[in-house]
Amino acid sequence: MAKKLIIGIQGDRGSTNERAARLFSEKHGWPDYEIKYLISTENVLRALNTGEIDYGTFARESRSGLVAETEAAIKKYAYEKIDEEKLQLDHALLASGGIDKSKTVEVHSHPQALLEHGEFLKKEFSELKLIKEADTGGAAKDLSEGKYPKNSLVIASIVCAEMYGLNVYQKDLPGNIGYWVKIYLAGKKDSCF
């Protein structure tokens, strides 16, 4: 019986990397796999190099440029690029309750998502605080667990609304138009595929 593949991803449940891992598994004919949610590119590449995972996925680039956390991690760890996919983003603003626009609104998400949607958010909310988090899906999870103030939103994939029992404050953010991310499927350097 074949060993179950372990795919480590930069992200949590509901992240774009989770979607990419499922896409790569289907594309490469891997029906028996497990996703390990490692949150950061550095964690993915470290686990790949120590043999804890068979493959890893991470965001390499988006329309706003190279992903900073990935740039830092690839300077520390070797990897072999196996495949890549360019995915269209489906970010939404999610809330756990009502939002009072007359007060400061905190928006939590991955730095790349805050960068991509920042101009829209500044126009939408006069009192705005952008808070960098490790992951979009993780931010949605934290919001659902009450870890952020009441007047908080997260930028995350629309699937996170149902996954974490959140309200959709705004679907189809204007910044989604043309917002893509290039996800790499990586293997250990010198591994054969």
Protein backbone atom coordinates (compact mmCIF):
# COMPACT_ATOMS: atom_id res chain seq x y z
CA MET A 1 0.00 0.00 0.00
CA ALA A 2 1.32 3.43 -0.99
CA LYS A 3 2.27 5.90 1.70
CA LYS A 4 -0.10 8.85 2.16
CA LEU A 5 1.54 12.02 0.85
CA ILE A 6 1.86 14.94 3.21
CA ILE A 7 1.57 18.38 1.66
CA GLY A 8 2.55 21.30 3.88
CA ILE A 9 1.00 24.63 3.01
CA GLN A 10 1.66 28.28 3.71
CA GLY A 11 -1.70 28.94 5.26
CA ASP A 12 -4.53 27.64 7.37
CA ARG A 13 -7.90 26.09 6.51
CA GLY A 14 -9.65 28.22 3.90
CA SER A 15 -6.48 29.74 2.49
CA THR A 16 -5.59 30.02 -1.20
CA ASN A 17 -2.73 27.60 -0.55
CA GLU A 18 -5.22 24.99 0.64
CA ARG A 19 -7.11 25.41 -2.64
CA ALA A 20 -3.79 25.13 -4.52
CA ALA A 21 -2.76 21.96 -2.65
CA ARG A 22 -6.04 20.31 -3.65
CA LEU A 23 -5.59 21.45 -7.24
CA PHE A 24 -2.01 20.13 -7.42
CA SER A 25 -3.10 16.80 -5.87
CA GLU A 26 -5.78 16.36 -8.51
CA LYS A 27 -3.47 17.49 -11.33
CA HIS A 28 -0.69 15.06 -10.29
CA GLY A 29 -3.02 12.15 -9.51
CA TRP A 30 -2.48 12.00 -5.76
CA PRO A 31 -5.79 10.75 -4.33
CA ASP A 32 -4.36 9.86 -0.92
CA TYR A 33 -2.85 12.92 0.74
CA GLU A 34 -2.98 14.91 3.94
CA ILE A 35 -2.63 18.68 4.22
CA LYS A 36 -0.46 20.02 7.02
CA TYR A 37 -1.25 23.66 7.81
CA LEU A 38 2.14 25.27 8.40
CA ILE A 39 1.06 28.94 8.05
CA SER A 40 4.35 30.43 6.78
CA THR A 41 6.65 29.78 3.83
CA GLU A 42 9.56 29.38 6.24
CA ASN A 43 7.71 26.61 8.11
CA VAL A 44 6.90 24.89 4.79
CA LEU A 45 10.48 24.97 3.54
CA ARG A 46 11.92 23.91 6.90
CA ALA A 47 9.51 20.92 7.05
CA LEU A 48 10.35 20.04 3.46
CA ASN A 49 14.09 20.05 4.21
CA THR A 50 13.70 17.95 7.37
CA GLY A 51 11.47 15.41 5.61
CA GLU A 52 8.35 16.12 7.70
CA ILE A 53 6.38 16.72 4.49
CA ASP A 54 6.65 15.36 0.96
CA TYR A 55 5.65 18.53 -0.86
CA GLY A 56 4.87 22.10 0.04
CA THR A 57 2.90 25.00 -1.40
CA PHE A 58 3.56 28.68 -0.95
CA ALA A 59 2.71 31.98 -2.62
CA ARG A 60 5.64 33.20 -4.68
CA GLU A 61 4.22 36.29 -6.36
CA SER A 62 1.07 38.34 -6.85
CA ARG A 63 0.24 41.26 -9.08
CA SER A 64 1.82 43.59 -6.53
CA GLY A 65 5.13 41.74 -6.71
CA LEU A 66 7.11 39.05 -4.96
CA VAL A 67 5.77 37.87 -1.60
CA ALA A 68 8.13 39.25 1.07
CA GLU A 69 7.86 36.34 3.52
CA THR A 70 8.63 33.89 0.71
CA GLU A 71 11.62 35.96 -0.42
CA ALA A 72 13.06 35.79 3.10
CA ALA A 73 12.43 32.03 3.44
CA ILE A 74 13.96 30.98 0.11
CA LYS A 75 17.21 32.68 1.12
CA LYS A 76 17.43 30.20 4.02
CA TYR A 77 16.16 26.93 2.54
CA ALA A 78 16.69 25.04 -0.70
CA TYR A 79 13.76 23.58 -2.63
CA GLU A 80 12.90 22.29 -6.07
CA LYS A 81 9.99 23.86 -7.91
CA ILE A 82 7.78 21.00 -9.15
CA ASP A 83 4.84 22.98 -10.53
CA GLU A 84 3.07 26.32 -10.31
CA GLU A 85 -0.45 27.65 -10.67
CA LYS A 86 -1.68 31.19 -11.10
CA LEU A 87 -4.94 31.50 -9.17
CA GLN A 88 -7.53 34.27 -9.19
CA LEU A 89 -8.31 35.49 -5.66
CA ASP A 90 -11.85 35.57 -4.23
CA HIS A 91 -11.31 37.73 -1.16
CA ALA A 92 -14.23 39.07 0.82
CA LEU A 93 -14.58 41.18 3.96
CA LEU A 94 -15.89 38.96 6.74
CA ALA A 95 -17.28 39.95 10.14
CA SER A 96 -18.45 38.19 13.26
CA GLY A 97 -21.16 40.79 13.93
CA GLY A 98 -22.19 44.28 12.90
CA ILE A 99 -19.68 46.96 11.95
CA ASP A 100 -20.00 50.57 13.11
CA LYS A 101 -18.36 52.71 10.41
CA SER A 102 -18.42 55.77 12.72
CA LYS A 103 -15.80 54.07 14.92
CA THR A 104 -12.34 52.71 14.13
CA VAL A 105 -12.58 49.56 12.04
CA GLU A 106 -9.75 47.04 12.34
CA VAL A 107 -9.05 44.91 9.28
CA HIS A 108 -6.90 41.82 9.90
CA SER A 109 -5.28 39.77 7.14
CA HIS A 110 -2.06 38.63 5.52
CA PRO A 111 0.20 41.59 4.58
CA GLN A 112 -0.19 40.85 0.84
CA ALA A 113 -4.00 41.01 1.08
CA LEU A 114 -3.81 44.28 3.05
CA LEU A 115 -1.52 45.69 0.36
CA GLU A 116 -3.79 44.60 -2.48
CA HIS A 117 -7.01 45.92 -0.90
CA GLY A 118 -5.57 48.83 1.12
CA GLU A 119 -6.68 51.68 -1.15
CA PHE A 120 -10.27 50.43 -1.24
CA LEU A 121 -10.33 50.03 2.54
CA LYS A 122 -9.01 53.57 3.09
CA LYS A 123 -11.88 54.93 0.97
CA GLU A 124 -14.46 52.69 2.66
CA PHE A 125 -13.57 53.42 6.31
CA SER A 126 -12.60 56.87 7.60
CA GLU A 127 -11.10 55.42 10.81
CA LEU A 128 -9.11 52.38 9.75
CA LYS A 129 -6.45 50.22 11.36
CA LEU A 130 -4.79 47.58 9.16
CA ILE A 131 -3.41 44.67 11.20
CA LYS A 132 -0.96 42.21 9.63
CA GLU A 133 -1.62 38.55 10.37
CA ALA A 134 0.21 35.40 9.29
CA ASP A 135 -2.58 34.10 7.07
CA THR A 136 -5.98 35.01 5.61
CA GLY A 137 -7.65 31.75 6.70
CA GLY A 138 -6.03 32.01 10.12
CA ALA A 139 -7.34 35.55 10.51
CA ALA A 140 -10.87 34.31 9.74
CA LYS A 141 -10.48 31.54 12.32
CA ASP A 142 -9.22 34.01 14.94
CA LEU A 143 -12.14 36.38 14.25
CA SER A 144 -14.60 33.52 14.71
CA GLU A 145 -12.96 32.68 18.05
CA GLY A 146 -13.38 36.26 19.30
CA LYS A 147 -9.67 37.10 19.30
CA TYR A 148 -10.20 40.53 17.69
CA PRO A 149 -12.20 43.56 18.89
CA LYS A 150 -15.91 43.65 18.01
CA ASN A 151 -15.52 46.27 15.25
CA SER A 152 -13.14 44.07 13.24
CA LEU A 153 -13.19 42.60 9.76
CA VAL A 154 -10.92 40.13 8.03
CA ILE A 155 -9.94 39.80 4.40
CA ALA A 156 -10.19 36.12 3.53
CA SER A 157 -11.48 33.76 0.90
CA ILE A 158 -15.27 33.64 0.67
CA VAL A 159 -15.23 29.95 1.71
CA CYS A 160 -14.04 31.05 5.15
CA ALA A 161 -17.45 32.63 5.85
CA GLU A 162 -19.20 29.26 5.97
CA MET A 163 -16.18 27.39 7.28
CA TYR A 164 -15.91 29.63 10.35
CA GLY A 165 -19.52 30.81 10.72
CA LEU A 166 -18.79 34.43 9.78
CA ASN A 167 -20.97 37.07 8.11
CA VAL A 168 -20.08 38.35 4.67
CA TYR A 169 -19.70 42.11 5.09
CA GLN A 170 -18.69 42.55 1.44
CA LYS A 171 -18.30 39.90 -1.21
CA ASP A 172 -16.19 40.37 -4.35
CA LEU A 173 -13.85 43.12 -3.23
CA PRO A 174 -13.05 45.55 -6.08
CA GLY A 175 -9.37 44.67 -5.70
CA ASN A 176 -10.12 41.05 -6.69
CA ILE A 177 -10.35 42.10 -10.33
CA GLY A 178 -7.06 41.01 -11.84
CA TYR A 179 -5.73 39.96 -8.41
CA TRP A 180 -3.87 36.73 -8.94
CA VAL A 181 -1.33 34.83 -6.93
CA LYS A 182 1.28 32.43 -8.24
CA ILE A 183 1.55 29.37 -6.00
CA TYR A 184 4.52 27.01 -6.19
CA LEU A 185 4.40 23.30 -5.52
CA ALA A 186 7.83 22.52 -4.07
CA GLY A 187 9.73 19.35 -3.39
CA LYS A 188 12.92 18.71 -1.52
CA LYS A 189 16.01 19.70 -3.50
CA ASP A 190 17.46 16.65 -5.28
CA SER A 191 14.24 14.67 -4.79
CA CYS A 192 12.95 12.94 -7.87
CA PHE A 193 9.42 13.42 -9.09
